[in-house]
């Protein structure tokens, strides 16, 4: 699997962060399309503003393409309050994280239809930062060992305080092997699993759905749907097809102490020189994103004589 497309999913409230991501993007080192996916519809003024920023950036040789996911406003939301009871999964089948859950599946399917010869798709949110010059090329060099049977290659939580059945899930900022002949069936399986899991736990996000349902089944084996899907073959296919590449894509979300997080991230990067993407967001007492600051410092050091 090799990367031949990148996608960045956003909602309208993230437009400033998207512009900053494009403006700060180091040279990708290869010319692959960047699909900007929005939950509803792009406005022409937004496209013009983004193209202006893009044309002045180091990523200008990677063509921008715009994807409308067309999610109904009533379904495009992200509810963080876990205390809400009596959630209506019939009205909101994609759960409390309905917007990003729907957007993920629609984005992958739309890109597959637009670019049918696609192999590897790299999904990066606006808080997933490339920290190397020629980063897309370098990441491709590092993943050449991944076989065609892979579905997903990404980062499990590092430094995270995540516990329970999702502690070893692969974060959504990852590589998706759309070129795998079975990926479409795998994506259908994934979406169905999410929708059924939401009925048991409405807080489920797309990137934890498979891991959560797999471990919930193993621990209880009581739900009829989970018993139906997690047979020996599907479990083996899932575990074999989801590969940890935390050495290259580092997901550092989850530490509650911001200053301690900065020290741990710096130590980790010192010990692991292979990291290409640094994902996470930690704001210090002044409201500054320490990971974004760290990324800028690293890139400046690379350009210093």
Protein backbone atom coordinates (compact mmCIF):
# COMPACT_ATOMS: atom_id res chain seq x y z
CA UNK A 1 0.00 0.00 0.00
CA UNK A 2 1.34 3.41 -1.01
CA UNK A 3 -0.22 6.82 -0.44
CA UNK A 4 -1.71 8.39 -3.54
CA UNK A 5 -4.28 10.68 -1.94
CA UNK A 6 -4.77 12.70 1.26
CA UNK A 7 -8.03 13.80 2.86
CA UNK A 8 -8.73 16.37 5.55
CA UNK A 9 -12.26 16.24 7.04
CA UNK A 10 -13.57 19.51 8.52
CA UNK A 11 -16.67 21.31 9.66
CA UNK A 12 -17.23 25.03 9.09
CA UNK A 13 -16.05 25.96 12.60
CA UNK A 14 -12.62 24.49 11.75
CA UNK A 15 -11.99 26.70 8.71
CA UNK A 16 -9.33 28.80 10.45
CA UNK A 17 -7.50 25.67 11.59
CA UNK A 18 -7.66 24.27 8.05
CA UNK A 19 -6.16 27.45 6.61
CA UNK A 20 -3.37 27.31 9.21
CA UNK A 21 -2.72 23.65 8.40
CA UNK A 22 -2.34 24.41 4.69
CA UNK A 23 -0.24 27.52 5.34
CA UNK A 24 2.11 25.65 7.70
CA UNK A 25 2.28 22.45 5.65
CA UNK A 26 5.90 21.51 4.85
CA UNK A 27 6.79 20.31 1.37
CA UNK A 28 5.00 16.96 0.81
CA UNK A 29 7.70 15.73 -1.57
CA UNK A 30 5.15 14.16 -3.93
CA UNK A 31 2.20 15.52 -5.87
CA UNK A 32 -0.94 13.78 -4.65
CA UNK A 33 -4.46 15.24 -4.51
CA UNK A 34 -5.68 16.64 -1.21
CA UNK A 35 -9.43 16.11 -0.73
CA UNK A 36 -11.03 18.64 1.60
CA UNK A 37 -14.19 17.05 2.96
CA UNK A 38 -16.87 19.13 4.66
CA UNK A 39 -19.87 17.75 6.49
CA UNK A 40 -22.42 19.80 4.52
CA UNK A 41 -21.59 21.80 1.33
CA UNK A 42 -18.66 24.02 0.42
CA UNK A 43 -19.39 27.66 -0.32
CA UNK A 44 -17.67 29.22 -3.33
CA UNK A 45 -16.12 31.96 -1.18
CA UNK A 46 -14.61 29.33 1.12
CA UNK A 47 -13.12 27.53 -1.86
CA UNK A 48 -11.56 30.74 -3.19
CA UNK A 49 -10.04 31.62 0.18
CA UNK A 50 -8.59 28.14 0.64
CA UNK A 51 -7.20 28.05 -2.90
CA UNK A 52 -5.52 31.39 -2.28
CA UNK A 53 -3.81 30.06 0.86
CA UNK A 54 -2.98 26.80 -0.90
CA UNK A 55 -1.39 28.50 -3.92
CA UNK A 56 1.02 30.32 -1.59
CA UNK A 57 1.90 27.20 0.41
CA UNK A 58 4.51 24.46 0.12
CA UNK A 59 1.65 22.07 -0.79
CA UNK A 60 0.65 24.05 -3.90
CA UNK A 61 1.71 21.24 -6.26
CA UNK A 62 -0.84 18.92 -4.62
CA UNK A 63 -4.19 19.76 -6.26
CA UNK A 64 -7.05 20.61 -3.91
CA UNK A 65 -10.35 18.85 -4.47
CA UNK A 66 -13.53 19.62 -2.54
CA UNK A 67 -15.99 17.02 -1.27
CA UNK A 68 -19.50 17.80 -0.06
CA UNK A 69 -20.80 15.15 2.32
CA UNK A 70 -24.30 16.64 2.35
CA UNK A 71 -25.13 15.56 5.90
CA UNK A 72 -28.48 16.80 7.17
CA UNK A 73 -27.96 19.59 9.74
CA UNK A 74 -29.94 17.62 12.32
CA UNK A 75 -27.48 14.70 11.98
CA UNK A 76 -24.22 16.68 11.87
CA UNK A 77 -23.34 17.13 15.53
CA UNK A 78 -20.80 15.98 18.10
CA UNK A 79 -22.18 15.62 21.62
CA UNK A 80 -19.42 15.50 24.24
CA UNK A 81 -21.69 15.33 27.28
CA UNK A 82 -21.64 11.69 28.36
CA UNK A 83 -24.12 12.33 31.16
CA UNK A 84 -27.09 12.63 28.81
CA UNK A 85 -29.40 9.66 29.26
CA UNK A 86 -32.11 8.23 27.06
CA UNK A 87 -30.30 8.86 23.78
CA UNK A 88 -32.55 8.09 20.79
CA UNK A 89 -30.48 5.81 18.56
CA UNK A 90 -33.44 5.35 16.21
CA UNK A 91 -33.49 9.06 15.36
CA UNK A 92 -29.69 9.35 15.47
CA UNK A 93 -28.33 5.95 14.36
CA UNK A 94 -24.71 7.22 14.23
CA UNK A 95 -24.72 8.17 17.90
CA UNK A 96 -23.61 11.23 19.81
CA UNK A 97 -20.70 11.68 17.38
CA UNK A 98 -23.09 11.50 14.45
CA UNK A 99 -21.47 14.18 12.29
CA UNK A 100 -17.89 12.87 12.16
CA UNK A 101 -19.12 9.27 12.03
CA UNK A 102 -21.24 9.86 8.93
CA UNK A 103 -18.60 12.10 7.39
CA UNK A 104 -15.93 9.43 7.66
CA UNK A 105 -17.85 6.78 5.73
CA UNK A 106 -19.18 9.19 3.11
CA UNK A 107 -15.74 10.71 2.54
CA UNK A 108 -14.04 7.37 1.90
CA UNK A 109 -16.78 6.23 -0.46
CA UNK A 110 -16.83 9.51 -2.39
CA UNK A 111 -13.05 9.49 -2.85
CA UNK A 112 -13.22 5.89 -4.05
CA UNK A 113 -15.75 6.89 -6.68
CA UNK A 114 -13.82 10.02 -7.77
CA UNK A 115 -10.44 8.28 -7.86
CA UNK A 116 -11.22 4.60 -8.61
CA UNK A 117 -7.55 3.65 -9.03
CA UNK A 118 -6.67 4.83 -5.53
CA UNK A 119 -4.40 2.70 -3.37
CA UNK A 120 -3.64 4.31 -0.02
CA UNK A 121 -5.60 7.23 1.44
CA UNK A 122 -4.03 9.22 4.28
CA UNK A 123 -6.62 10.86 6.54
CA UNK A 124 -5.34 13.81 8.56
CA UNK A 125 -7.44 16.07 10.74
CA UNK A 126 -6.29 19.66 11.22
CA UNK A 127 -4.52 18.71 14.47
CA UNK A 128 -2.41 16.04 12.72
CA UNK A 129 0.81 17.78 11.79
CA UNK A 130 3.54 16.66 9.37
CA UNK A 131 6.89 17.35 11.06
CA UNK A 132 9.29 16.44 8.24
CA UNK A 133 10.18 18.09 4.97
CA UNK A 134 9.06 15.84 2.07
CA UNK A 135 6.79 14.18 4.59
CA UNK A 136 4.40 12.34 2.24
CA UNK A 137 7.32 10.87 0.32
CA UNK A 138 9.10 9.93 3.54
CA UNK A 139 5.99 8.25 4.93
CA UNK A 140 5.60 6.29 1.70
CA UNK A 141 9.19 5.09 2.04
CA UNK A 142 8.53 3.90 5.58
CA UNK A 143 5.37 1.92 4.78
CA UNK A 144 6.58 -0.07 1.77
CA UNK A 145 6.56 -3.21 3.91
CA UNK A 146 2.77 -3.04 4.35
CA UNK A 147 1.06 -5.76 2.34
CA UNK A 148 -2.07 -5.56 0.21
CA UNK A 149 -4.09 -7.41 2.86
CA UNK A 150 -3.89 -4.41 5.19
CA UNK A 151 -7.07 -2.39 5.74
CA UNK A 152 -5.83 0.29 8.14
CA UNK A 153 -2.39 1.37 9.33
CA UNK A 154 -2.23 3.96 12.07
CA UNK A 155 -1.37 4.86 15.62
CA UNK A 156 -2.64 3.33 18.82
CA UNK A 157 -2.84 5.70 21.82
CA UNK A 158 0.52 6.85 23.14
CA UNK A 159 0.63 8.59 26.56
CA UNK A 160 -3.13 8.15 26.64
CA UNK A 161 -5.22 7.60 29.74
CA UNK A 162 -7.74 5.63 27.68
CA UNK A 163 -8.93 2.50 29.43
CA UNK A 164 -11.34 -0.34 28.80
CA UNK A 165 -12.16 -1.99 25.47
CA UNK A 166 -10.89 0.94 23.34
CA UNK A 167 -7.44 1.34 24.89
CA UNK A 168 -5.73 -0.31 21.90
CA UNK A 169 -7.82 1.16 19.08
CA UNK A 170 -6.21 2.76 16.01
CA UNK A 171 -6.88 6.48 15.82
CA UNK A 172 -8.77 7.80 12.79
CA UNK A 173 -5.73 9.78 11.59
CA UNK A 174 -4.39 6.85 9.62
CA UNK A 175 -3.78 5.18 6.27
CA UNK A 176 -6.72 3.42 4.59
CA UNK A 177 -6.00 0.83 1.94
CA UNK A 178 -8.81 1.63 -0.49
CA UNK A 179 -6.91 -0.39 -3.06
CA UNK A 180 -7.58 -3.61 -1.16
CA UNK A 181 -10.19 -5.50 -3.21
CA UNK A 182 -12.11 -6.28 0.00
CA UNK A 183 -11.94 -2.78 1.49
CA UNK A 184 -15.45 -1.83 0.37
CA UNK A 185 -16.91 -4.90 2.13
CA UNK A 186 -14.76 -4.14 5.18
CA UNK A 187 -16.08 -0.56 5.24
CA UNK A 188 -19.69 -1.85 5.08
CA UNK A 189 -18.91 -4.24 7.95
CA UNK A 190 -17.35 -1.38 9.92
CA UNK A 191 -20.34 0.94 9.41
CA UNK A 192 -22.85 -1.75 10.37
CA UNK A 193 -20.81 -2.53 13.47
CA UNK A 194 -20.79 1.15 14.46
CA UNK A 195 -24.56 1.51 14.06
CA UNK A 196 -25.21 -1.60 16.14
CA UNK A 197 -22.65 -0.57 18.76
CA UNK A 198 -24.29 2.85 19.14
CA UNK A 199 -27.42 1.07 20.35
CA UNK A 200 -25.37 -0.22 23.28
CA UNK A 201 -23.10 2.80 23.71
CA UNK A 202 -24.08 6.05 21.93
CA UNK A 203 -20.67 7.64 22.67
CA UNK A 204 -18.93 5.36 20.17
CA UNK A 205 -16.85 7.05 17.45
CA UNK A 206 -16.06 5.42 14.12
CA UNK A 207 -12.39 4.85 14.96
CA UNK A 208 -13.14 2.94 18.17
CA UNK A 209 -16.23 1.05 16.98
CA UNK A 210 -14.49 -2.14 15.83
CA UNK A 211 -12.17 -2.41 18.81
CA UNK A 212 -14.97 -1.64 21.26
CA UNK A 213 -17.39 -4.18 19.80
CA UNK A 214 -14.67 -6.83 19.48
CA UNK A 215 -13.63 -6.59 23.13
CA UNK A 216 -17.21 -6.14 24.36
CA UNK A 217 -18.10 -9.39 22.61
CA UNK A 218 -15.10 -11.18 24.09
CA UNK A 219 -15.97 -10.02 27.61
CA UNK A 220 -19.72 -10.62 27.53
CA UNK A 221 -20.71 -12.68 24.45
CA UNK A 222 -24.33 -11.77 25.22
CA UNK A 223 -25.39 -9.47 22.41
CA UNK A 224 -26.85 -11.35 19.47
CA UNK A 225 -25.48 -8.98 16.85
CA UNK A 226 -21.96 -9.08 18.29
CA UNK A 227 -22.10 -12.88 18.43
CA UNK A 228 -23.16 -12.91 14.81
CA UNK A 229 -20.37 -10.70 13.43
CA UNK A 230 -17.38 -11.68 15.58
CA UNK A 231 -16.88 -15.21 14.37
CA UNK A 232 -13.38 -16.60 14.17
CA UNK A 233 -12.89 -15.53 10.55
CA UNK A 234 -14.01 -11.90 11.00
CA UNK A 235 -11.93 -11.51 14.17
CA UNK A 236 -8.85 -12.85 12.43
CA UNK A 237 -9.44 -10.64 9.38
CA UNK A 238 -9.84 -7.55 11.57
CA UNK A 239 -6.76 -8.17 13.72
CA UNK A 240 -4.61 -9.11 10.71
CA UNK A 241 -5.76 -6.12 8.67
CA UNK A 242 -5.26 -3.33 11.22
CA UNK A 243 -1.57 -2.51 11.62
CA UNK A 244 0.09 -0.34 14.25
CA UNK A 245 2.53 2.18 12.74
CA UNK A 246 2.86 4.44 15.79
CA UNK A 247 6.54 4.86 14.95
CA UNK A 248 5.51 6.93 11.93
CA UNK A 249 2.14 8.43 12.91
CA UNK A 250 2.23 9.42 16.56
CA UNK A 251 -1.11 9.92 18.33
CA UNK A 252 -0.40 11.68 21.62
CA UNK A 253 -3.90 12.68 22.74
CA UNK A 254 -5.11 11.70 26.17
CA UNK A 255 -2.69 13.09 28.78
CA UNK A 256 -4.45 15.44 31.23
CA UNK A 257 -1.29 17.34 32.28
CA UNK A 258 -0.30 19.74 29.47
CA UNK A 259 3.21 20.50 30.68
CA UNK A 260 3.94 16.85 31.36
CA UNK A 261 2.57 16.01 27.91
CA UNK A 262 5.05 18.41 26.28
CA UNK A 263 7.98 16.77 28.09
CA UNK A 264 6.81 13.28 27.16
CA UNK A 265 6.30 14.22 23.50
CA UNK A 266 9.74 15.80 23.26
CA UNK A 267 11.34 12.75 24.88
CA UNK A 268 9.46 10.41 22.59
CA UNK A 269 10.52 12.30 19.47
CA UNK A 270 14.12 12.34 20.66
CA UNK A 271 14.07 8.56 21.09
CA UNK A 272 12.11 7.92 17.87
CA UNK A 273 13.46 9.76 14.85
CA UNK A 274 11.07 7.99 12.46
CA UNK A 275 7.96 10.02 13.32
CA UNK A 276 6.42 11.76 10.31
CA UNK A 277 2.98 12.83 11.60
CA UNK A 278 2.36 14.20 15.09
CA UNK A 279 -1.30 14.17 16.11
CA UNK A 280 -2.85 15.79 19.15
CA UNK A 281 -3.93 19.06 20.69
CA UNK A 282 -2.85 20.42 24.06
CA UNK A 283 -3.45 24.02 25.06
CA UNK A 284 -1.29 25.60 27.76
CA UNK A 285 -2.49 28.19 30.26
CA UNK A 286 -2.17 30.93 27.62
CA UNK A 287 -4.40 29.03 25.18
CA UNK A 288 -1.50 28.15 22.87
CA UNK A 289 -1.35 24.75 21.19
CA UNK A 290 1.93 23.26 22.38
CA UNK A 291 1.96 20.58 19.67
CA UNK A 292 1.55 23.17 16.92
CA UNK A 293 4.38 25.17 18.50
CA UNK A 294 6.53 22.07 18.72
CA UNK A 295 5.87 21.23 15.06
CA UNK A 296 6.93 24.71 13.95
CA UNK A 297 10.11 24.52 16.03
CA UNK A 298 11.03 21.12 14.57
CA UNK A 299 10.53 22.34 10.99
CA UNK A 300 12.50 25.51 11.60
CA UNK A 301 15.38 23.44 12.97
CA UNK A 302 15.34 21.29 9.81
CA UNK A 303 15.69 24.37 7.63
CA UNK A 304 18.44 25.94 9.74
CA UNK A 305 21.93 25.84 8.15
